[in-house]
């Protein structure tokens, strides 16, 4: 117990020192470059405070969050359903390979441009782009997860006349939980970046839109502030949502 506490404290100390070094480098660069090109930490903090006080921070954050989660859940539901069907059908699995390869290979910026052509500017652009780009990874992990479920266990469950709920609870879900959650955890981090990129080009509100507006107005401090906000969102999602769920699923999977 003491060793684990010491290790955790050492890890926190190393991370804290790293952050201080990065802040020092940031401050040094801001002192050697014009403020129009590189905002200082203090200017960035002041811009963030102004965003919070004006209500801009909350308004734009909620806009981006609603679009991101709408696109993520839409793409996730469609991908899991398609993956389950394709995993059970070898013909459909092979038929979906070109679609999966195309979606995984297409540059995100092209999807954004196509969405702008089809939907104009607005919330539909980031929602559509996120849905399309998170689909292939979740679909593939779901389909492969189903195909990798031990068929002997399913046959034994049928022989012993196991109830559908028992088979689902103890065989199917443990086989699907880890690959699906792994894909969703990766897609969540990507969804934040994709949403901001789509808003940067094809939305009329949100973090990406605010970044573009700050760039046009040459408000470098606000650009830096929104950049840090985007980074912190991904870090918070990982530490507060993804990591606890990952630990829970892995522990539950071992128990099964």
C-alpha atoms as a PDB file:
ATOM      1  CA  UNK A   1       0.000   0.000   0.000  1.00  0.00           C
ATOM      2  CA  UNK A   2       2.802   2.376   0.932  1.00  0.00           C
ATOM      3  CA  UNK A   3       4.702   1.515  -2.249  1.00  0.00           C
ATOM      4  CA  UNK A   4       1.660   2.288  -4.404  1.00  0.00           C
ATOM      5  CA  UNK A   5       1.143   5.611  -2.586  1.00  0.00           C
ATOM      6  CA  UNK A   6       4.803   6.523  -3.064  1.00  0.00           C
ATOM      7  CA  UNK A   7       4.615   5.606  -6.742  1.00  0.00           C
ATOM      8  CA  UNK A   8       1.469   7.696  -7.203  1.00  0.00           C
ATOM      9  CA  UNK A   9       3.037  10.696  -5.454  1.00  0.00           C
ATOM     10  CA  UNK A  10       6.171  10.356  -7.566  1.00  0.00           C
ATOM     11  CA  UNK A  11       4.062  10.219 -10.725  1.00  0.00           C
ATOM     12  CA  UNK A  12       2.151  13.352  -9.700  1.00  0.00           C
ATOM     13  CA  UNK A  13       5.418  15.130  -8.903  1.00  0.00           C
ATOM     14  CA  UNK A  14       6.901  14.276 -12.301  1.00  0.00           C
ATOM     15  CA  UNK A  15       3.738  15.408 -14.069  1.00  0.00           C
ATOM     16  CA  UNK A  16       3.673  18.649 -12.074  1.00  0.00           C
ATOM     17  CA  UNK A  17       7.293  19.405 -12.941  1.00  0.00           C
ATOM     18  CA  UNK A  18       6.559  18.693 -16.613  1.00  0.00           C
ATOM     19  CA  UNK A  19       3.650  21.159 -16.568  1.00  0.00           C
ATOM     20  CA  UNK A  20       5.849  23.839 -14.967  1.00  0.00           C
ATOM     21  CA  UNK A  21       8.532  23.291 -17.608  1.00  0.00           C
ATOM     22  CA  UNK A  22       5.949  23.589 -20.390  1.00  0.00           C
ATOM     23  CA  UNK A  23       4.603  26.805 -18.842  1.00  0.00           C
ATOM     24  CA  UNK A  24       8.138  28.204 -18.637  1.00  0.00           C
ATOM     25  CA  UNK A  25       8.763  27.358 -22.304  1.00  0.00           C
ATOM     26  CA  UNK A  26       5.408  28.900 -23.221  1.00  0.00           C
ATOM     27  CA  UNK A  27       6.251  32.089 -21.315  1.00  0.00           C
ATOM     28  CA  UNK A  28       9.700  32.250 -22.885  1.00  0.00           C
ATOM     29  CA  UNK A  29       8.312  31.920 -26.404  1.00  0.00           C
ATOM     30  CA  UNK A  30       5.656  34.565 -25.734  1.00  0.00           C
ATOM     31  CA  UNK A  31       8.374  36.988 -24.575  1.00  0.00           C
ATOM     32  CA  UNK A  32      10.473  36.416 -27.688  1.00  0.00           C
ATOM     33  CA  UNK A  33       7.620  36.576 -30.218  1.00  0.00           C
ATOM     34  CA  UNK A  34       5.028  39.281 -30.954  1.00  0.00           C
ATOM     35  CA  UNK A  35       1.806  38.877 -28.962  1.00  0.00           C
ATOM     36  CA  UNK A  36      -0.137  38.787 -32.215  1.00  0.00           C
ATOM     37  CA  UNK A  37       1.620  35.502 -33.021  1.00  0.00           C
ATOM     38  CA  UNK A  38       2.037  33.912 -29.601  1.00  0.00           C
ATOM     39  CA  UNK A  39      -0.090  34.820 -26.574  1.00  0.00           C
ATOM     40  CA  UNK A  40       1.415  34.591 -23.097  1.00  0.00           C
ATOM     41  CA  UNK A  41      -0.053  32.383 -20.340  1.00  0.00           C
ATOM     42  CA  UNK A  42      -1.362  35.467 -18.509  1.00  0.00           C
ATOM     43  CA  UNK A  43      -3.014  36.888 -21.636  1.00  0.00           C
ATOM     44  CA  UNK A  44      -4.559  33.486 -22.345  1.00  0.00           C
ATOM     45  CA  UNK A  45      -5.882  33.243 -18.782  1.00  0.00           C
ATOM     46  CA  UNK A  46      -7.315  36.767 -19.038  1.00  0.00           C
ATOM     47  CA  UNK A  47      -9.046  35.869 -22.316  1.00  0.00           C
ATOM     48  CA  UNK A  48     -10.523  32.768 -20.695  1.00  0.00           C
ATOM     49  CA  UNK A  49     -11.854  34.816 -17.763  1.00  0.00           C
ATOM     50  CA  UNK A  50     -13.497  37.258 -20.183  1.00  0.00           C
ATOM     51  CA  UNK A  51     -15.097  34.348 -22.043  1.00  0.00           C
ATOM     52  CA  UNK A  52     -16.530  32.962 -18.811  1.00  0.00           C
ATOM     53  CA  UNK A  53     -17.786  36.329 -17.569  1.00  0.00           C
ATOM     54  CA  UNK A  54     -19.485  37.154 -20.872  1.00  0.00           C
ATOM     55  CA  UNK A  55     -21.229  33.767 -21.025  1.00  0.00           C
ATOM     56  CA  UNK A  56     -19.510  32.898 -24.302  1.00  0.00           C
ATOM     57  CA  UNK A  57     -17.670  29.952 -22.760  1.00  0.00           C
ATOM     58  CA  UNK A  58     -20.789  28.192 -21.471  1.00  0.00           C
ATOM     59  CA  UNK A  59     -22.846  28.897 -24.585  1.00  0.00           C
ATOM     60  CA  UNK A  60     -20.268  27.671 -27.086  1.00  0.00           C
ATOM     61  CA  UNK A  61     -19.227  24.707 -24.937  1.00  0.00           C
ATOM     62  CA  UNK A  62     -22.822  23.470 -24.693  1.00  0.00           C
ATOM     63  CA  UNK A  63     -23.287  23.881 -28.450  1.00  0.00           C
ATOM     64  CA  UNK A  64     -20.210  21.788 -29.209  1.00  0.00           C
ATOM     65  CA  UNK A  65     -21.009  19.185 -26.549  1.00  0.00           C
ATOM     66  CA  UNK A  66     -24.553  18.646 -27.829  1.00  0.00           C
ATOM     67  CA  UNK A  67     -23.313  18.222 -31.404  1.00  0.00           C
ATOM     68  CA  UNK A  68     -20.477  15.922 -30.399  1.00  0.00           C
ATOM     69  CA  UNK A  69     -22.630  13.588 -28.291  1.00  0.00           C
ATOM     70  CA  UNK A  70     -25.440  13.569 -30.866  1.00  0.00           C
ATOM     71  CA  UNK A  71     -23.020  12.592 -33.619  1.00  0.00           C
ATOM     72  CA  UNK A  72     -21.173  10.116 -31.406  1.00  0.00           C
ATOM     73  CA  UNK A  73     -24.309   8.323 -30.203  1.00  0.00           C
ATOM     74  CA  UNK A  74     -25.848   8.287 -33.685  1.00  0.00           C
ATOM     75  CA  UNK A  75     -22.732   6.809 -35.257  1.00  0.00           C
ATOM     76  CA  UNK A  76     -22.263   4.420 -32.336  1.00  0.00           C
ATOM     77  CA  UNK A  77     -25.803   3.002 -32.475  1.00  0.00           C
ATOM     78  CA  UNK A  78     -25.709   2.497 -36.249  1.00  0.00           C
ATOM     79  CA  UNK A  79     -22.196   1.006 -36.080  1.00  0.00           C
ATOM     80  CA  UNK A  80     -23.054  -1.464 -33.306  1.00  0.00           C
ATOM     81  CA  UNK A  81     -26.252  -2.587 -35.049  1.00  0.00           C
ATOM     82  CA  UNK A  82     -24.461  -3.033 -38.384  1.00  0.00           C
ATOM     83  CA  UNK A  83     -21.543  -4.758 -36.661  1.00  0.00           C
ATOM     84  CA  UNK A  84     -23.800  -7.270 -34.916  1.00  0.00           C
ATOM     85  CA  UNK A  85     -25.570  -8.105 -38.172  1.00  0.00           C
ATOM     86  CA  UNK A  86     -22.328  -8.324 -40.177  1.00  0.00           C
ATOM     87  CA  UNK A  87     -20.668 -10.401 -37.475  1.00  0.00           C
ATOM     88  CA  UNK A  88     -23.388 -13.026 -37.829  1.00  0.00           C
ATOM     89  CA  UNK A  89     -23.284 -13.019 -41.646  1.00  0.00           C
ATOM     90  CA  UNK A  90     -19.971 -13.772 -43.410  1.00  0.00           C
ATOM     91  CA  UNK A  91     -21.430 -12.566 -46.718  1.00  0.00           C
ATOM     92  CA  UNK A  92     -22.479  -9.206 -45.276  1.00  0.00           C
ATOM     93  CA  UNK A  93     -19.158  -8.924 -43.420  1.00  0.00           C
ATOM     94  CA  UNK A  94     -17.266  -9.281 -46.710  1.00  0.00           C
ATOM     95  CA  UNK A  95     -19.693  -6.946 -48.493  1.00  0.00           C
ATOM     96  CA  UNK A  96     -19.084  -4.225 -45.900  1.00  0.00           C
ATOM     97  CA  UNK A  97     -15.299  -4.347 -46.203  1.00  0.00           C
ATOM     98  CA  UNK A  98     -15.095  -1.809 -49.085  1.00  0.00           C
ATOM     99  CA  UNK A  99     -17.409   0.593 -47.225  1.00  0.00           C
ATOM    100  CA  UNK A 100     -15.380   0.239 -44.039  1.00  0.00           C
ATOM    101  CA  UNK A 101     -12.084   0.760 -45.889  1.00  0.00           C
ATOM    102  CA  UNK A 102     -13.447   3.806 -47.708  1.00  0.00           C
ATOM    103  CA  UNK A 103     -14.692   5.465 -44.512  1.00  0.00           C
ATOM    104  CA  UNK A 104     -11.457   4.716 -42.653  1.00  0.00           C
ATOM    105  CA  UNK A 105      -9.338   6.053 -45.508  1.00  0.00           C
ATOM    106  CA  UNK A 106     -11.215   9.235 -46.397  1.00  0.00           C
ATOM    107  CA  UNK A 107      -9.623  12.417 -44.973  1.00  0.00           C
ATOM    108  CA  UNK A 108     -11.910  14.110 -42.405  1.00  0.00           C
ATOM    109  CA  UNK A 109     -11.653  17.454 -44.202  1.00  0.00           C
ATOM    110  CA  UNK A 110     -13.292  15.926 -47.287  1.00  0.00           C
ATOM    111  CA  UNK A 111     -16.227  14.717 -45.194  1.00  0.00           C
ATOM    112  CA  UNK A 112     -16.571  18.242 -43.781  1.00  0.00           C
ATOM    113  CA  UNK A 113     -16.595  19.773 -47.267  1.00  0.00           C
ATOM    114  CA  UNK A 114     -19.192  17.267 -48.490  1.00  0.00           C
ATOM    115  CA  UNK A 115     -21.350  17.949 -45.429  1.00  0.00           C
ATOM    116  CA  UNK A 116     -21.161  21.692 -46.121  1.00  0.00           C
ATOM    117  CA  UNK A 117     -22.247  21.080 -49.733  1.00  0.00           C
ATOM    118  CA  UNK A 118     -25.181  18.919 -48.633  1.00  0.00           C
ATOM    119  CA  UNK A 119     -26.306  20.713 -45.455  1.00  0.00           C
ATOM    120  CA  UNK A 120     -24.869  24.222 -45.687  1.00  0.00           C
ATOM    121  CA  UNK A 121     -23.631  25.579 -42.364  1.00  0.00           C
ATOM    122  CA  UNK A 122     -25.101  24.738 -38.986  1.00  0.00           C
ATOM    123  CA  UNK A 123     -25.398  21.947 -36.450  1.00  0.00           C
ATOM    124  CA  UNK A 124     -26.010  19.243 -39.042  1.00  0.00           C
ATOM    125  CA  UNK A 125     -22.462  19.522 -40.400  1.00  0.00           C
ATOM    126  CA  UNK A 126     -20.536  18.497 -37.230  1.00  0.00           C
ATOM    127  CA  UNK A 127     -23.196  15.931 -36.265  1.00  0.00           C
ATOM    128  CA  UNK A 128     -22.989  14.257 -39.673  1.00  0.00           C
ATOM    129  CA  UNK A 129     -19.180  14.369 -39.824  1.00  0.00           C
ATOM    130  CA  UNK A 130     -18.774  12.858 -36.350  1.00  0.00           C
ATOM    131  CA  UNK A 131     -21.325  10.120 -37.099  1.00  0.00           C
ATOM    132  CA  UNK A 132     -19.610   9.128 -40.333  1.00  0.00           C
ATOM    133  CA  UNK A 133     -16.055   9.167 -38.984  1.00  0.00           C
ATOM    134  CA  UNK A 134     -16.699   7.240 -35.745  1.00  0.00           C
ATOM    135  CA  UNK A 135     -18.704   4.558 -37.571  1.00  0.00           C
ATOM    136  CA  UNK A 136     -15.943   2.358 -39.095  1.00  0.00           C
ATOM    137  CA  UNK A 137     -13.906   1.758 -35.930  1.00  0.00           C
ATOM    138  CA  UNK A 138     -16.908   0.877 -33.767  1.00  0.00           C
ATOM    139  CA  UNK A 139     -18.458  -1.217 -36.543  1.00  0.00           C
ATOM    140  CA  UNK A 140     -15.276  -3.233 -37.125  1.00  0.00           C
ATOM    141  CA  UNK A 141     -14.672  -3.936 -33.430  1.00  0.00           C
ATOM    142  CA  UNK A 142     -18.299  -4.984 -32.966  1.00  0.00           C
ATOM    143  CA  UNK A 143     -18.288  -7.313 -35.976  1.00  0.00           C
ATOM    144  CA  UNK A 144     -14.930  -8.846 -35.071  1.00  0.00           C
ATOM    145  CA  UNK A 145     -15.985  -9.130 -31.437  1.00  0.00           C
ATOM    146  CA  UNK A 146     -19.035 -11.165 -32.438  1.00  0.00           C
ATOM    147  CA  UNK A 147     -17.008 -13.360 -34.798  1.00  0.00           C
ATOM    148  CA  UNK A 148     -14.485 -14.056 -32.016  1.00  0.00           C
ATOM    149  CA  UNK A 149     -17.056 -15.239 -29.466  1.00  0.00           C
ATOM    150  CA  UNK A 150     -16.325 -18.855 -28.563  1.00  0.00           C
ATOM    151  CA  UNK A 151     -18.802 -20.923 -30.604  1.00  0.00           C
ATOM    152  CA  UNK A 152     -18.300 -23.914 -28.320  1.00  0.00           C
ATOM    153  CA  UNK A 153     -19.683 -21.893 -25.422  1.00  0.00           C
ATOM    154  CA  UNK A 154     -22.742 -20.982 -27.494  1.00  0.00           C
ATOM    155  CA  UNK A 155     -23.239 -24.636 -28.445  1.00  0.00           C
ATOM    156  CA  UNK A 156     -22.949 -25.709 -24.805  1.00  0.00           C
ATOM    157  CA  UNK A 157     -25.488 -23.056 -23.822  1.00  0.00           C
ATOM    158  CA  UNK A 158     -27.881 -24.437 -26.446  1.00  0.00           C
ATOM    159  CA  UNK A 159     -27.300 -28.045 -25.345  1.00  0.00           C
ATOM    160  CA  UNK A 160     -27.989 -27.233 -21.699  1.00  0.00           C
ATOM    161  CA  UNK A 161     -30.982 -25.101 -22.737  1.00  0.00           C
ATOM    162  CA  UNK A 162     -29.603 -21.927 -21.243  1.00  0.00           C
ATOM    163  CA  UNK A 163     -32.060 -19.031 -21.246  1.00  0.00           C
ATOM    164  CA  UNK A 164     -31.445 -16.243 -23.788  1.00  0.00           C
ATOM    165  CA  UNK A 165     -30.750 -13.805 -20.942  1.00  0.00           C
ATOM    166  CA  UNK A 166     -28.184 -16.145 -19.364  1.00  0.00           C
ATOM    167  CA  UNK A 167     -26.436 -16.634 -22.724  1.00  0.00           C
ATOM    168  CA  UNK A 168     -26.425 -12.890 -23.356  1.00  0.00           C
ATOM    169  CA  UNK A 169     -25.250 -12.059 -19.837  1.00  0.00           C
ATOM    170  CA  UNK A 170     -22.468 -14.618 -19.480  1.00  0.00           C
ATOM    171  CA  UNK A 171     -21.251 -15.316 -23.039  1.00  0.00           C
ATOM    172  CA  UNK A 172     -22.204 -12.648 -25.568  1.00  0.00           C
ATOM    173  CA  UNK A 173     -21.801  -9.449 -23.538  1.00  0.00           C
ATOM    174  CA  UNK A 174     -18.397 -10.421 -22.055  1.00  0.00           C
ATOM    175  CA  UNK A 175     -17.193 -11.207 -25.574  1.00  0.00           C
ATOM    176  CA  UNK A 176     -18.421  -7.904 -26.999  1.00  0.00           C
ATOM    177  CA  UNK A 177     -17.857  -5.487 -24.113  1.00  0.00           C
ATOM    178  CA  UNK A 178     -14.089  -5.022 -24.372  1.00  0.00           C
ATOM    179  CA  UNK A 179     -13.771  -4.582 -28.180  1.00  0.00           C
ATOM    180  CA  UNK A 180     -16.820  -2.306 -28.378  1.00  0.00           C
ATOM    181  CA  UNK A 181     -15.757  -0.159 -25.439  1.00  0.00           C
ATOM    182  CA  UNK A 182     -12.204   0.097 -26.769  1.00  0.00           C
ATOM    183  CA  UNK A 183     -13.566   1.469 -30.045  1.00  0.00           C
ATOM    184  CA  UNK A 184     -15.963   3.843 -28.269  1.00  0.00           C
ATOM    185  CA  UNK A 185     -13.213   5.208 -26.009  1.00  0.00           C
ATOM    186  CA  UNK A 186     -11.034   5.963 -29.041  1.00  0.00           C
ATOM    187  CA  UNK A 187     -14.001   7.425 -30.918  1.00  0.00           C
ATOM    188  CA  UNK A 188     -14.871   9.748 -28.023  1.00  0.00           C
ATOM    189  CA  UNK A 189     -11.499  11.491 -28.112  1.00  0.00           C
ATOM    190  CA  UNK A 190     -11.666  11.703 -31.893  1.00  0.00           C
ATOM    191  CA  UNK A 191     -15.223  13.067 -31.744  1.00  0.00           C
ATOM    192  CA  UNK A 192     -14.069  16.136 -29.798  1.00  0.00           C
ATOM    193  CA  UNK A 193     -11.416  16.971 -32.387  1.00  0.00           C
ATOM    194  CA  UNK A 194     -13.717  16.208 -35.316  1.00  0.00           C
ATOM    195  CA  UNK A 195     -16.515  18.375 -33.893  1.00  0.00           C
ATOM    196  CA  UNK A 196     -14.218  21.362 -33.445  1.00  0.00           C
ATOM    197  CA  UNK A 197     -12.757  20.936 -36.934  1.00  0.00           C
ATOM    198  CA  UNK A 198     -16.230  20.712 -38.497  1.00  0.00           C
ATOM    199  CA  UNK A 199     -17.398  23.784 -36.560  1.00  0.00           C
ATOM    200  CA  UNK A 200     -14.289  25.656 -37.628  1.00  0.00           C
ATOM    201  CA  UNK A 201     -15.341  25.335 -41.257  1.00  0.00           C
ATOM    202  CA  UNK A 202     -19.070  24.746 -41.368  1.00  0.00           C
ATOM    203  CA  UNK A 203     -20.947  25.919 -38.270  1.00  0.00           C
ATOM    204  CA  UNK A 204     -22.394  29.151 -36.938  1.00  0.00           C
ATOM    205  CA  UNK A 205     -21.693  28.458 -33.251  1.00  0.00           C
ATOM    206  CA  UNK A 206     -19.550  26.252 -31.034  1.00  0.00           C
ATOM    207  CA  UNK A 207     -15.904  26.055 -30.029  1.00  0.00           C
ATOM    208  CA  UNK A 208     -14.666  25.665 -33.600  1.00  0.00           C
ATOM    209  CA  UNK A 209     -16.718  28.654 -34.746  1.00  0.00           C
ATOM    210  CA  UNK A 210     -15.348  30.749 -31.868  1.00  0.00           C
ATOM    211  CA  UNK A 211     -11.815  29.721 -32.829  1.00  0.00           C
ATOM    212  CA  UNK A 212     -12.408  30.810 -36.420  1.00  0.00           C
ATOM    213  CA  UNK A 213     -13.969  34.095 -35.281  1.00  0.00           C
ATOM    214  CA  UNK A 214     -11.024  34.802 -32.959  1.00  0.00           C
ATOM    215  CA  UNK A 215      -8.587  34.084 -35.785  1.00  0.00           C
ATOM    216  CA  UNK A 216     -10.375  36.507 -38.111  1.00  0.00           C
ATOM    217  CA  UNK A 217     -10.225  39.184 -35.399  1.00  0.00           C
ATOM    218  CA  UNK A 218      -6.551  38.347 -34.723  1.00  0.00           C
ATOM    219  CA  UNK A 219      -7.407  37.607 -31.080  1.00  0.00           C
ATOM    220  CA  UNK A 220      -4.521  35.226 -30.455  1.00  0.00           C
ATOM    221  CA  UNK A 221      -5.143  35.010 -26.706  1.00  0.00           C
ATOM    222  CA  UNK A 222      -8.676  33.740 -27.292  1.00  0.00           C
ATOM    223  CA  UNK A 223      -7.392  31.234 -29.872  1.00  0.00           C
ATOM    224  CA  UNK A 224      -4.972  29.904 -27.252  1.00  0.00           C
ATOM    225  CA  UNK A 225      -7.716  29.866 -24.607  1.00  0.00           C
ATOM    226  CA  UNK A 226     -10.088  27.802 -26.749  1.00  0.00           C
ATOM    227  CA  UNK A 227      -7.223  25.493 -27.706  1.00  0.00           C
ATOM    228  CA  UNK A 228      -6.509  24.780 -24.037  1.00  0.00           C
ATOM    229  CA  UNK A 229     -10.226  24.284 -23.373  1.00  0.00           C
ATOM    230  CA  UNK A 230     -10.333  21.669 -26.140  1.00  0.00           C
ATOM    231  CA  UNK A 231      -7.347  19.842 -24.649  1.00  0.00           C
ATOM    232  CA  UNK A 232      -8.848  19.883 -21.155  1.00  0.00           C
ATOM    233  CA  UNK A 233     -12.163  18.531 -22.456  1.00  0.00           C
ATOM    234  CA  UNK A 234     -10.409  15.467 -23.873  1.00  0.00           C
ATOM    235  CA  UNK A 235      -8.390  14.991 -20.664  1.00  0.00           C
ATOM    236  CA  UNK A 236     -11.486  15.303 -18.455  1.00  0.00           C
ATOM    237  CA  UNK A 237     -13.485  12.887 -20.598  1.00  0.00           C
ATOM    238  CA  UNK A 238     -10.676  10.362 -20.336  1.00  0.00           C
ATOM    239  CA  UNK A 239     -10.190  10.681 -16.569  1.00  0.00           C
ATOM    240  CA  UNK A 240     -13.797  11.137 -15.451  1.00  0.00           C
ATOM    241  CA  UNK A 241     -15.703   8.938 -17.911  1.00  0.00           C
ATOM    242  CA  UNK A 242     -13.607   6.661 -20.106  1.00  0.00           C
ATOM    243  CA  UNK A 243     -11.030   5.403 -17.576  1.00  0.00           C
ATOM    244  CA  UNK A 244     -13.570   4.539 -14.816  1.00  0.00           C
ATOM    245  CA  UNK A 245     -15.803   2.757 -17.336  1.00  0.00           C
ATOM    246  CA  UNK A 246     -12.811   0.903 -18.778  1.00  0.00           C
ATOM    247  CA  UNK A 247     -11.814  -0.335 -15.313  1.00  0.00           C
ATOM    248  CA  UNK A 248     -15.393  -1.364 -14.548  1.00  0.00           C
ATOM    249  CA  UNK A 249     -15.792  -3.312 -17.805  1.00  0.00           C
ATOM    250  CA  UNK A 250     -12.425  -5.052 -17.468  1.00  0.00           C
ATOM    251  CA  UNK A 251     -13.204  -6.024 -13.867  1.00  0.00           C
ATOM    252  CA  UNK A 252     -16.691  -7.229 -14.807  1.00  0.00           C
ATOM    253  CA  UNK A 253     -15.283  -9.156 -17.781  1.00  0.00           C
ATOM    254  CA  UNK A 254     -12.762 -10.950 -15.552  1.00  0.00           C
ATOM    255  CA  UNK A 255     -15.513 -11.899 -13.121  1.00  0.00           C
ATOM    256  CA  UNK A 256     -17.534 -13.384 -15.965  1.00  0.00           C
END
